[in-house]
Amino acid sequence: MAKARVDWWQSQKARQYLISAIAQFNEIAACRRKYDETGSCESIFGVLDLLCGGFRARHEADEESDDLWACGVVECLLGNPSNRLAVYGTLMRGKSNHRVIEGIAGEWGCGFVHGRLEEHYGFPFFVPDASGDVIPVDVLSSAELPASWEQIDRFEGVWYDRCLVSVHDSDDEVIFIANTYCKASFSQLQAY
């Protein structure tokens, strides 16, 4: 029987680096929204350092080696997260706002994210927290998502930020990285 492929970021040794890298990616997105090129560049270097640390941790653990260094593309390193959307609350299948994404062709799966859900104005807001609650999500995998982000972002509005999260299976193993909509930072909401 063939051994299932294990990406570098699924390694337990690389997990701490992965969680930190995802947080840095989200800071980069916040810097871009503020037109802060200096902060964005500094965060990019921080992410690259973290990803290199994750690679080293995996290779030092003598786990199966992947030759992803040649790609040089962060999207590839994280398994193409722009092609995945983890949804909770009203965007889930069968819920009131699922219509926003139901026309996007792709495959659906399930998983879990770590954090907490807060309710404001009758809507759920996800706040990522690696040591937080285990929250079930539906995950859409689709090559059509990159062309749909602008429309979905517009629907979510200023109250939500699209950010990266690690999606876990029922054994709490990371199965992939996906986008999700998180509660917008307080400083951003003060402007509205």
N, C-alpha and C. Protein backbone atom coordinates (compact mmCIF):
# COMPACT_ATOMS: atom_id res chain seq x y z
N MET A 1 0.85 -1.19 0.00
CA MET A 1 0.00 0.00 0.00
C MET A 1 0.89 1.24 0.00
N ALA A 2 0.59 2.20 -0.86
CA ALA A 2 1.38 3.42 -0.97
C ALA A 2 1.16 4.31 0.24
N LYS A 3 2.23 4.91 0.70
CA LYS A 3 2.15 5.83 1.83
C LYS A 3 1.51 7.14 1.38
N ALA A 4 0.58 7.66 2.17
CA ALA A 4 -0.08 8.92 1.83
C ALA A 4 0.95 10.04 1.89
N ARG A 5 0.82 10.98 0.98
CA ARG A 5 1.73 12.13 0.95
C ARG A 5 1.51 12.98 2.20
N VAL A 6 2.58 13.38 2.80
CA VAL A 6 2.54 14.25 3.97
C VAL A 6 3.29 15.51 3.62
N ASP A 7 2.62 16.65 3.63
CA ASP A 7 3.26 17.92 3.36
C ASP A 7 4.06 18.36 4.59
N TRP A 8 5.06 19.20 4.40
CA TRP A 8 5.94 19.61 5.48
C TRP A 8 5.17 20.21 6.64
N TRP A 9 4.08 20.93 6.35
CA TRP A 9 3.36 21.64 7.40
C TRP A 9 2.44 20.73 8.21
N GLN A 10 2.33 19.46 7.82
CA GLN A 10 1.54 18.51 8.59
C GLN A 10 2.37 17.87 9.70
N SER A 11 3.64 18.13 9.72
CA SER A 11 4.55 17.58 10.72
C SER A 11 4.28 18.22 12.08
N GLN A 12 4.26 17.41 13.14
CA GLN A 12 4.11 17.95 14.49
C GLN A 12 5.27 18.88 14.83
N LYS A 13 6.47 18.55 14.34
CA LYS A 13 7.65 19.38 14.62
C LYS A 13 7.52 20.76 13.98
N ALA A 14 6.82 20.85 12.86
CA ALA A 14 6.69 22.12 12.15
C ALA A 14 5.47 22.93 12.59
N ARG A 15 4.62 22.36 13.41
CA ARG A 15 3.34 22.99 13.77
C ARG A 15 3.49 24.39 14.36
N GLN A 16 4.42 24.58 15.32
CA GLN A 16 4.58 25.90 15.93
C GLN A 16 4.98 26.94 14.89
N TYR A 17 5.81 26.53 13.92
CA TYR A 17 6.24 27.45 12.87
C TYR A 17 5.06 27.80 11.97
N LEU A 18 4.24 26.82 11.69
CA LEU A 18 3.07 27.03 10.84
C LEU A 18 2.11 28.04 11.47
N ILE A 19 1.80 27.85 12.73
CA ILE A 19 0.86 28.74 13.42
C ILE A 19 1.41 30.17 13.42
N SER A 20 2.70 30.32 13.70
CA SER A 20 3.31 31.66 13.70
C SER A 20 3.33 32.26 12.29
N ALA A 21 3.61 31.44 11.27
CA ALA A 21 3.64 31.94 9.89
C ALA A 21 2.27 32.42 9.46
N ILE A 22 1.22 31.70 9.84
CA ILE A 22 -0.15 32.12 9.49
C ILE A 22 -0.46 33.46 10.13
N ALA A 23 -0.06 33.65 11.39
CA ALA A 23 -0.29 34.93 12.06
C ALA A 23 0.44 36.05 11.32
N GLN A 24 1.67 35.78 10.87
CA GLN A 24 2.44 36.78 10.13
C GLN A 24 1.78 37.10 8.79
N PHE A 25 1.26 36.08 8.09
CA PHE A 25 0.56 36.32 6.82
C PHE A 25 -0.61 37.27 7.05
N ASN A 26 -1.33 37.07 8.13
CA ASN A 26 -2.47 37.93 8.42
C ASN A 26 -2.02 39.36 8.72
N GLU A 27 -0.85 39.52 9.37
CA GLU A 27 -0.31 40.86 9.58
C GLU A 27 0.06 41.52 8.26
N ILE A 28 0.60 40.74 7.32
CA ILE A 28 0.93 41.28 6.01
C ILE A 28 -0.32 41.82 5.32
N ALA A 29 -1.41 41.05 5.40
CA ALA A 29 -2.66 41.49 4.79
C ALA A 29 -3.15 42.78 5.43
N ALA A 30 -3.02 42.89 6.76
CA ALA A 30 -3.43 44.12 7.44
C ALA A 30 -2.57 45.29 7.00
N CYS A 31 -1.26 45.07 6.85
CA CYS A 31 -0.36 46.14 6.39
C CYS A 31 -0.74 46.59 4.98
N ARG A 32 -1.06 45.62 4.12
CA ARG A 32 -1.45 45.98 2.75
C ARG A 32 -2.71 46.84 2.75
N ARG A 33 -3.67 46.49 3.60
CA ARG A 33 -4.91 47.28 3.66
C ARG A 33 -4.64 48.70 4.13
N LYS A 34 -3.60 48.88 4.94
CA LYS A 34 -3.24 50.21 5.45
C LYS A 34 -2.22 50.91 4.56
N TYR A 35 -1.86 50.27 3.43
CA TYR A 35 -0.84 50.80 2.51
C TYR A 35 0.49 50.99 3.21
N ASP A 36 0.80 50.10 4.16
CA ASP A 36 2.05 50.14 4.92
C ASP A 36 3.04 49.17 4.29
N GLU A 37 3.79 49.66 3.29
CA GLU A 37 4.72 48.81 2.57
C GLU A 37 5.88 48.36 3.45
N THR A 38 6.36 49.22 4.34
CA THR A 38 7.48 48.86 5.21
C THR A 38 7.08 47.72 6.13
N GLY A 39 5.94 47.86 6.79
CA GLY A 39 5.47 46.80 7.69
C GLY A 39 5.21 45.51 6.94
N SER A 40 4.68 45.62 5.73
CA SER A 40 4.40 44.44 4.92
C SER A 40 5.70 43.71 4.58
N CYS A 41 6.72 44.45 4.14
CA CYS A 41 8.01 43.84 3.78
C CYS A 41 8.66 43.18 5.00
N GLU A 42 8.63 43.87 6.15
CA GLU A 42 9.22 43.28 7.35
C GLU A 42 8.51 41.99 7.72
N SER A 43 7.20 41.97 7.60
CA SER A 43 6.44 40.76 7.92
C SER A 43 6.73 39.63 6.94
N ILE A 44 6.94 39.97 5.68
CA ILE A 44 7.26 38.95 4.68
C ILE A 44 8.56 38.24 5.05
N PHE A 45 9.58 39.02 5.45
CA PHE A 45 10.83 38.41 5.86
C PHE A 45 10.63 37.54 7.10
N GLY A 46 9.78 37.98 8.01
CA GLY A 46 9.48 37.17 9.20
C GLY A 46 8.82 35.86 8.83
N VAL A 47 7.89 35.90 7.87
CA VAL A 47 7.22 34.68 7.42
C VAL A 47 8.22 33.72 6.80
N LEU A 48 9.09 34.24 5.94
CA LEU A 48 10.08 33.38 5.31
C LEU A 48 10.99 32.72 6.33
N ASP A 49 11.40 33.46 7.37
CA ASP A 49 12.20 32.87 8.44
C ASP A 49 11.44 31.75 9.14
N LEU A 50 10.17 31.99 9.42
CA LEU A 50 9.36 30.97 10.09
C LEU A 50 9.19 29.73 9.21
N LEU A 51 8.94 29.94 7.93
CA LEU A 51 8.77 28.80 7.03
C LEU A 51 10.07 28.00 6.91
N CYS A 52 11.19 28.70 6.85
CA CYS A 52 12.48 27.99 6.82
C CYS A 52 12.67 27.20 8.10
N GLY A 53 12.29 27.77 9.23
CA GLY A 53 12.38 27.05 10.50
C GLY A 53 11.51 25.80 10.49
N GLY A 54 10.32 25.90 9.90
CA GLY A 54 9.44 24.73 9.78
C GLY A 54 10.04 23.65 8.91
N PHE A 55 10.65 24.05 7.80
CA PHE A 55 11.32 23.09 6.93
C PHE A 55 12.45 22.39 7.69
N ARG A 56 13.27 23.20 8.39
CA ARG A 56 14.40 22.61 9.13
C ARG A 56 13.91 21.64 10.19
N ALA A 57 12.85 22.03 10.92
CA ALA A 57 12.31 21.16 11.98
C ALA A 57 11.85 19.84 11.39
N ARG A 58 11.22 19.90 10.25
CA ARG A 58 10.74 18.65 9.63
C ARG A 58 11.91 17.79 9.19
N HIS A 59 12.90 18.40 8.54
CA HIS A 59 14.02 17.64 8.02
C HIS A 59 14.89 17.08 9.16
N GLU A 60 15.02 17.84 10.26
CA GLU A 60 15.77 17.34 11.41
C GLU A 60 15.07 16.16 12.06
N ALA A 61 13.76 16.07 11.89
CA ALA A 61 12.98 14.97 12.47
C ALA A 61 13.04 13.73 11.58
N ASP A 62 13.82 13.80 10.51
CA ASP A 62 13.97 12.67 9.57
C ASP A 62 12.65 12.22 8.96
N GLU A 63 11.76 13.16 8.75
CA GLU A 63 10.51 12.83 8.09
C GLU A 63 10.72 12.90 6.59
N GLU A 64 9.74 12.38 5.84
CA GLU A 64 9.84 12.36 4.39
C GLU A 64 10.15 13.76 3.87
N SER A 65 11.09 13.86 2.95
CA SER A 65 11.54 15.15 2.43
C SER A 65 10.77 15.55 1.19
N ASP A 66 10.41 16.81 1.12
CA ASP A 66 9.78 17.38 -0.07
C ASP A 66 10.74 18.40 -0.65
N ASP A 67 10.84 18.49 -1.97
CA ASP A 67 11.71 19.46 -2.59
C ASP A 67 10.91 20.68 -3.00
N LEU A 68 10.37 21.41 -2.00
CA LEU A 68 9.58 22.60 -2.29
C LEU A 68 10.42 23.86 -2.36
N TRP A 69 11.70 23.76 -2.00
CA TRP A 69 12.56 24.94 -2.04
C TRP A 69 12.59 25.54 -3.44
N ALA A 70 12.57 24.69 -4.45
CA ALA A 70 12.70 25.16 -5.83
C ALA A 70 11.50 26.00 -6.26
N CYS A 71 10.35 25.78 -5.69
CA CYS A 71 9.15 26.52 -6.09
C CYS A 71 9.27 28.00 -5.79
N GLY A 72 9.70 28.33 -4.60
CA GLY A 72 9.86 29.72 -4.22
C GLY A 72 8.55 30.47 -4.11
N VAL A 73 7.45 29.78 -4.06
CA VAL A 73 6.15 30.44 -4.02
C VAL A 73 5.45 30.05 -2.72
N VAL A 74 5.14 31.06 -1.91
CA VAL A 74 4.50 30.80 -0.63
C VAL A 74 3.19 30.05 -0.81
N GLU A 75 2.47 30.40 -1.84
CA GLU A 75 1.19 29.72 -2.11
C GLU A 75 1.41 28.22 -2.24
N CYS A 76 2.46 27.85 -2.91
CA CYS A 76 2.79 26.43 -3.07
C CYS A 76 3.21 25.83 -1.74
N LEU A 77 4.00 26.59 -0.98
CA LEU A 77 4.46 26.09 0.31
C LEU A 77 3.30 25.75 1.25
N LEU A 78 2.25 26.52 1.16
CA LEU A 78 1.11 26.29 2.05
C LEU A 78 0.00 25.48 1.38
N GLY A 79 0.30 24.86 0.24
CA GLY A 79 -0.68 23.98 -0.39
C GLY A 79 -1.82 24.69 -1.08
N ASN A 80 -1.55 25.86 -1.65
CA ASN A 80 -2.55 26.63 -2.41
C ASN A 80 -3.79 27.01 -1.59
N PRO A 81 -3.60 27.73 -0.48
CA PRO A 81 -4.77 28.09 0.34
C PRO A 81 -5.75 29.03 -0.37
N SER A 82 -5.31 29.72 -1.42
CA SER A 82 -6.25 30.60 -2.13
C SER A 82 -7.35 29.81 -2.83
N ASN A 83 -7.17 28.50 -2.93
CA ASN A 83 -8.19 27.64 -3.53
C ASN A 83 -9.09 26.98 -2.48
N ARG A 84 -9.01 27.46 -1.22
CA ARG A 84 -9.83 26.87 -0.17
C ARG A 84 -10.47 27.95 0.69
N LEU A 85 -11.72 27.73 1.05
CA LEU A 85 -12.46 28.61 1.95
C LEU A 85 -13.11 27.78 3.04
N ALA A 86 -12.76 28.05 4.29
CA ALA A 86 -13.39 27.40 5.45
C ALA A 86 -14.49 28.32 5.94
N VAL A 87 -15.72 27.80 5.98
CA VAL A 87 -16.86 28.63 6.39
C VAL A 87 -17.50 28.09 7.66
N TYR A 88 -18.05 29.01 8.42
CA TYR A 88 -18.78 28.72 9.65
C TYR A 88 -20.02 29.62 9.62
N GLY A 89 -20.92 29.43 10.52
CA GLY A 89 -22.06 30.34 10.63
C GLY A 89 -22.93 30.37 9.39
N THR A 90 -23.30 31.57 8.97
CA THR A 90 -24.31 31.73 7.92
C THR A 90 -23.84 31.38 6.52
N LEU A 91 -22.52 31.22 6.30
CA LEU A 91 -22.03 30.81 4.97
C LEU A 91 -22.01 29.28 4.80
N MET A 92 -22.24 28.54 5.88
CA MET A 92 -22.22 27.07 5.80
C MET A 92 -23.35 26.58 4.90
N ARG A 93 -23.16 25.38 4.38
CA ARG A 93 -24.19 24.76 3.53
C ARG A 93 -25.51 24.68 4.31
N GLY A 94 -26.57 25.10 3.64
CA GLY A 94 -27.90 25.07 4.25
C GLY A 94 -28.24 26.28 5.10
N LYS A 95 -27.31 27.20 5.28
CA LYS A 95 -27.56 28.39 6.10
C LYS A 95 -27.94 29.58 5.22
N SER A 96 -28.38 30.65 5.86
CA SER A 96 -29.01 31.78 5.17
C SER A 96 -28.14 32.48 4.12
N ASN A 97 -26.85 32.58 4.32
CA ASN A 97 -26.00 33.32 3.36
C ASN A 97 -25.15 32.41 2.47
N HIS A 98 -25.44 31.12 2.49
CA HIS A 98 -24.68 30.20 1.64
C HIS A 98 -24.83 30.56 0.16
N ARG A 99 -25.92 31.22 -0.19
CA ARG A 99 -26.17 31.62 -1.58
C ARG A 99 -25.01 32.43 -2.17
N VAL A 100 -24.26 33.11 -1.32
CA VAL A 100 -23.14 33.94 -1.77
C VAL A 100 -22.06 33.09 -2.44
N ILE A 101 -21.89 31.85 -1.99
CA ILE A 101 -20.82 31.01 -2.53
C ILE A 101 -21.32 29.74 -3.21
N GLU A 102 -22.63 29.51 -3.21
CA GLU A 102 -23.13 28.23 -3.74
C GLU A 102 -22.89 28.06 -5.24
N GLY A 103 -22.69 29.15 -5.98
CA GLY A 103 -22.44 29.05 -7.41
C GLY A 103 -21.00 28.76 -7.78
N ILE A 104 -20.12 28.67 -6.79
CA ILE A 104 -18.72 28.39 -7.04
C ILE A 104 -18.54 26.87 -7.11
N ALA A 105 -18.13 26.39 -8.27
CA ALA A 105 -17.94 24.94 -8.45
C ALA A 105 -16.73 24.47 -7.66
N GLY A 106 -16.84 23.32 -7.04
CA GLY A 106 -15.73 22.77 -6.29
C GLY A 106 -16.16 21.59 -5.45
N GLU A 107 -15.28 21.16 -4.59
CA GLU A 107 -15.56 20.04 -3.71
C GLU A 107 -15.69 20.53 -2.27
N TRP A 108 -16.64 19.96 -1.56
CA TRP A 108 -16.87 20.33 -0.17
C TRP A 108 -16.32 19.25 0.76
N GLY A 109 -15.78 19.68 1.87
CA GLY A 109 -15.32 18.78 2.91
C GLY A 109 -15.59 19.41 4.26
N CYS A 110 -15.18 18.74 5.30
CA CYS A 110 -15.40 19.24 6.66
C CYS A 110 -14.08 19.24 7.41
N GLY A 111 -14.00 20.04 8.44
CA GLY A 111 -12.82 20.09 9.28
C GLY A 111 -13.12 20.92 10.52
N PHE A 112 -12.06 21.29 11.20
CA PHE A 112 -12.17 22.07 12.43
C PHE A 112 -11.09 23.13 12.45
N VAL A 113 -11.41 24.28 13.04
CA VAL A 113 -10.43 25.35 13.26
C VAL A 113 -10.40 25.64 14.75
N HIS A 114 -9.32 26.28 15.20
CA HIS A 114 -9.19 26.63 16.61
C HIS A 114 -9.41 28.13 16.78
N GLY A 115 -10.21 28.49 17.76
CA GLY A 115 -10.48 29.88 18.04
C GLY A 115 -11.72 30.01 18.90
N ARG A 116 -12.40 31.11 18.72
CA ARG A 116 -13.67 31.31 19.42
C ARG A 116 -14.64 32.04 18.51
N LEU A 117 -15.92 31.81 18.75
CA LEU A 117 -16.96 32.52 18.02
C LEU A 117 -17.57 33.56 18.94
N GLU A 118 -17.66 34.77 18.46
CA GLU A 118 -18.33 35.84 19.18
C GLU A 118 -19.55 36.23 18.36
N GLU A 119 -20.61 36.62 19.03
CA GLU A 119 -21.80 37.06 18.29
C GLU A 119 -21.98 38.56 18.48
N HIS A 120 -22.14 39.25 17.36
CA HIS A 120 -22.40 40.68 17.37
C HIS A 120 -23.50 40.95 16.35
N TYR A 121 -24.51 41.70 16.76
CA TYR A 121 -25.61 42.07 15.86
C TYR A 121 -26.27 40.84 15.22
N GLY A 122 -26.25 39.72 15.94
CA GLY A 122 -26.87 38.50 15.45
C GLY A 122 -26.03 37.69 14.47
N PHE A 123 -24.78 38.08 14.27
CA PHE A 123 -23.89 37.36 13.35
C PHE A 123 -22.70 36.80 14.10
N PRO A 124 -22.22 35.61 13.67
CA PRO A 124 -21.03 35.03 14.31
C PRO A 124 -19.76 35.65 13.75
N PHE A 125 -18.79 35.86 14.61
CA PHE A 125 -17.47 36.36 14.23
C PHE A 125 -16.43 35.41 14.77
N PHE A 126 -15.58 34.91 13.89
CA PHE A 126 -14.52 33.99 14.29
C PHE A 126 -13.29 34.77 14.69
N VAL A 127 -12.70 34.38 15.82
CA VAL A 127 -11.44 34.96 16.28
C VAL A 127 -10.44 33.82 16.42
N PRO A 128 -9.42 33.77 15.56
CA PRO A 128 -8.44 32.67 15.61
C PRO A 128 -7.68 32.65 16.93
N ASP A 129 -7.47 31.46 17.44
CA ASP A 129 -6.69 31.28 18.66
C ASP A 129 -6.25 29.82 18.69
N ALA A 130 -4.95 29.57 18.54
CA ALA A 130 -4.44 28.20 18.46
C ALA A 130 -4.79 27.37 19.68
N SER A 131 -5.01 28.00 20.83
CA SER A 131 -5.37 27.26 22.03
C SER A 131 -6.85 27.39 22.35
N GLY A 132 -7.63 27.91 21.39
CA GLY A 132 -9.05 28.13 21.60
C GLY A 132 -9.90 26.90 21.37
N ASP A 133 -11.20 27.12 21.30
CA ASP A 133 -12.17 26.05 21.09
C ASP A 133 -11.98 25.41 19.71
N VAL A 134 -12.50 24.20 19.58
CA VAL A 134 -12.51 23.51 18.29
C VAL A 134 -13.86 23.82 17.64
N ILE A 135 -13.80 24.46 16.47
CA ILE A 135 -15.01 24.94 15.79
C ILE A 135 -15.15 24.22 14.46
N PRO A 136 -16.30 23.57 14.22
CA PRO A 136 -16.49 22.87 12.94
C PRO A 136 -16.66 23.86 11.78
N VAL A 137 -16.09 23.49 10.63
CA VAL A 137 -16.20 24.31 9.43
C VAL A 137 -16.50 23.41 8.23
N ASP A 138 -17.18 23.98 7.24
CA ASP A 138 -17.30 23.37 5.92
C ASP A 138 -16.20 24.00 5.09
N VAL A 139 -15.54 23.21 4.24
CA VAL A 139 -14.43 23.73 3.45
C VAL A 139 -14.70 23.51 1.97
N LEU A 140 -14.71 24.61 1.22
CA LEU A 140 -14.84 24.57 -0.23
C LEU A 140 -13.45 24.61 -0.84
N SER A 141 -13.14 23.62 -1.66
CA SER A 141 -11.89 23.61 -2.43
C SER A 141 -12.26 23.83 -3.88
N SER A 142 -11.73 24.92 -4.46
CA SER A 142 -12.11 25.27 -5.82
C SER A 142 -11.07 26.16 -6.48
N ALA A 143 -10.73 25.85 -7.71
CA ALA A 143 -9.83 26.70 -8.49
C ALA A 143 -10.53 28.01 -8.88
N GLU A 144 -11.86 28.09 -8.69
CA GLU A 144 -12.62 29.31 -9.00
C GLU A 144 -12.55 30.34 -7.87
N LEU A 145 -12.10 29.95 -6.70
CA LEU A 145 -12.10 30.88 -5.57
C LEU A 145 -11.26 32.14 -5.80
N PRO A 146 -10.03 32.04 -6.34
CA PRO A 146 -9.26 33.27 -6.52
C PRO A 146 -10.01 34.35 -7.32
N ALA A 147 -10.80 33.94 -8.29
CA ALA A 147 -11.57 34.92 -9.07
C ALA A 147 -12.81 35.39 -8.33
N SER A 148 -13.14 34.74 -7.22
CA SER A 148 -14.35 35.08 -6.46
C SER A 148 -14.08 35.86 -5.19
N TRP A 149 -12.80 35.98 -4.80
CA TRP A 149 -12.49 36.62 -3.52
C TRP A 149 -13.03 38.04 -3.42
N GLU A 150 -12.90 38.82 -4.47
CA GLU A 150 -13.35 40.22 -4.41
C GLU A 150 -14.84 40.29 -4.10
N GLN A 151 -15.63 39.45 -4.75
CA GLN A 151 -17.08 39.43 -4.52
C GLN A 151 -17.41 39.00 -3.09
N ILE A 152 -16.73 37.95 -2.60
CA ILE A 152 -17.01 37.46 -1.25
C ILE A 152 -16.54 38.49 -0.22
N ASP A 153 -15.36 39.09 -0.44
CA ASP A 153 -14.86 40.14 0.46
C ASP A 153 -15.86 41.29 0.55
N ARG A 154 -16.39 41.69 -0.58
CA ARG A 154 -17.36 42.78 -0.63
C ARG A 154 -18.61 42.41 0.19
N PHE A 155 -19.08 41.18 0.04
CA PHE A 155 -20.24 40.73 0.81
C PHE A 155 -19.95 40.78 2.31
N GLU A 156 -18.78 40.30 2.72
CA GLU A 156 -18.43 40.26 4.14
C GLU A 156 -18.23 41.66 4.71
N GLY A 157 -17.83 42.60 3.88
CA GLY A 157 -17.72 44.00 4.31
C GLY A 157 -16.60 44.27 5.30
N VAL A 158 -16.69 45.42 5.95
CA VAL A 158 -15.63 45.89 6.84
C VAL A 158 -15.60 45.15 8.17
N TRP A 159 -16.62 44.38 8.47
CA TRP A 159 -16.69 43.71 9.76
C TRP A 159 -15.85 42.44 9.81
N TYR A 160 -15.45 41.94 8.65
CA TYR A 160 -14.68 40.71 8.57
C TYR A 160 -13.40 40.92 7.77
N ASP A 161 -12.35 40.23 8.17
CA ASP A 161 -11.11 40.18 7.42
C ASP A 161 -10.93 38.75 6.93
N ARG A 162 -10.50 38.60 5.68
CA ARG A 162 -10.16 37.27 5.19
C ARG A 162 -8.75 36.96 5.69
N CYS A 163 -8.60 35.82 6.33
CA CYS A 163 -7.29 35.45 6.85
C CYS A 163 -7.07 33.94 6.67
N LEU A 164 -5.85 33.51 6.88
CA LEU A 164 -5.50 32.10 6.75
C LEU A 164 -5.64 31.39 8.09
N VAL A 165 -6.11 30.16 8.03
CA VAL A 165 -6.21 29.31 9.22
C VAL A 165 -5.76 27.90 8.86
N SER A 166 -5.29 27.19 9.86
CA SER A 166 -5.02 25.77 9.66
C SER A 166 -6.31 25.01 9.95
N VAL A 167 -6.67 24.12 9.05
CA VAL A 167 -7.87 23.30 9.22
C VAL A 167 -7.41 21.92 9.68
N HIS A 168 -8.06 21.40 10.70
CA HIS A 168 -7.66 20.15 11.34
C HIS A 168 -8.70 19.07 11.11
N ASP A 169 -8.24 17.81 11.23
CA ASP A 169 -9.17 16.69 11.18
C ASP A 169 -9.62 16.36 12.60
N SER A 170 -10.40 15.30 12.76
CA SER A 170 -10.95 14.96 14.07
C SER A 170 -9.87 14.51 15.06
N ASP A 171 -8.66 14.19 14.57
CA ASP A 171 -7.54 13.85 15.45
C ASP A 171 -6.66 15.06 15.74
N ASP A 172 -7.11 16.24 15.33
CA ASP A 172 -6.41 17.51 15.51
C ASP A 172 -5.11 17.60 14.70
N GLU A 173 -5.03 16.83 13.61
CA GLU A 173 -3.91 16.93 12.69
C GLU A 173 -4.25 17.98 11.64
N VAL A 174 -3.27 18.81 11.27
CA VAL A 174 -3.49 19.80 10.23
C VAL A 174 -3.66 19.07 8.90
N ILE A 175 -4.79 19.33 8.22
CA ILE A 175 -5.00 18.69 6.93
C ILE A 175 -4.72 19.64 5.77
N PHE A 176 -4.91 20.94 5.99
CA PHE A 176 -4.53 21.94 5.01
C PHE A 176 -4.72 23.33 5.58
N ILE A 177 -4.30 24.33 4.80
CA ILE A 177 -4.46 25.74 5.15
C ILE A 177 -5.57 26.28 4.25
N ALA A 178 -6.42 27.12 4.83
CA ALA A 178 -7.54 27.68 4.06
C ALA A 178 -7.75 29.14 4.47
N ASN A 179 -8.48 29.84 3.65
CA ASN A 179 -8.94 31.18 4.00
C ASN A 179 -10.22 31.04 4.81
N THR A 180 -10.45 31.99 5.68
CA THR A 180 -11.72 32.09 6.38
C THR A 180 -11.96 33.57 6.67
N TYR A 181 -13.14 33.89 7.14
CA TYR A 181 -13.44 35.28 7.48
C TYR A 181 -13.45 35.42 8.99
N CYS A 182 -12.53 36.28 9.48
CA CYS A 182 -12.34 36.53 10.90
C CYS A 182 -12.93 37.89 11.27
N LYS A 183 -13.18 38.05 12.54
CA LYS A 183 -13.63 39.34 13.05
C LYS A 183 -12.57 40.38 12.71
N ALA A 184 -13.00 41.51 12.12
CA ALA A 184 -12.05 42.57 11.77
C ALA A 184 -11.43 43.12 13.05
N SER A 185 -10.20 43.60 12.95
CA SER A 185 -9.52 44.13 14.11
C SER A 185 -10.24 45.39 14.60
N PHE A 186 -10.16 45.62 15.90
CA PHE A 186 -10.87 46.74 16.51
C PHE A 186 -10.43 48.06 15.91
N SER A 187 -9.14 48.22 15.65
CA SER A 187 -8.64 49.49 15.10
C SER A 187 -9.26 49.77 13.73
N GLN A 188 -9.50 48.73 12.95
CA GLN A 188 -10.13 48.93 11.65
C GLN A 188 -11.58 49.36 11.80
N LEU A 189 -12.26 48.78 12.80
CA LEU A 189 -13.68 49.08 12.97
C LEU A 189 -13.90 50.48 13.53
N GLN A 190 -12.92 51.03 14.25
CA GLN A 190 -13.07 52.37 14.78
C GLN A 190 -13.23 53.41 13.69
N ALA A 191 -12.73 53.13 12.51
CA ALA A 191 -12.82 54.09 11.41
C ALA A 191 -14.25 54.16 10.84
N TYR A 192 -15.11 53.21 11.20
CA TYR A 192 -16.46 53.17 10.62
C TYR A 192 -17.52 53.57 11.60
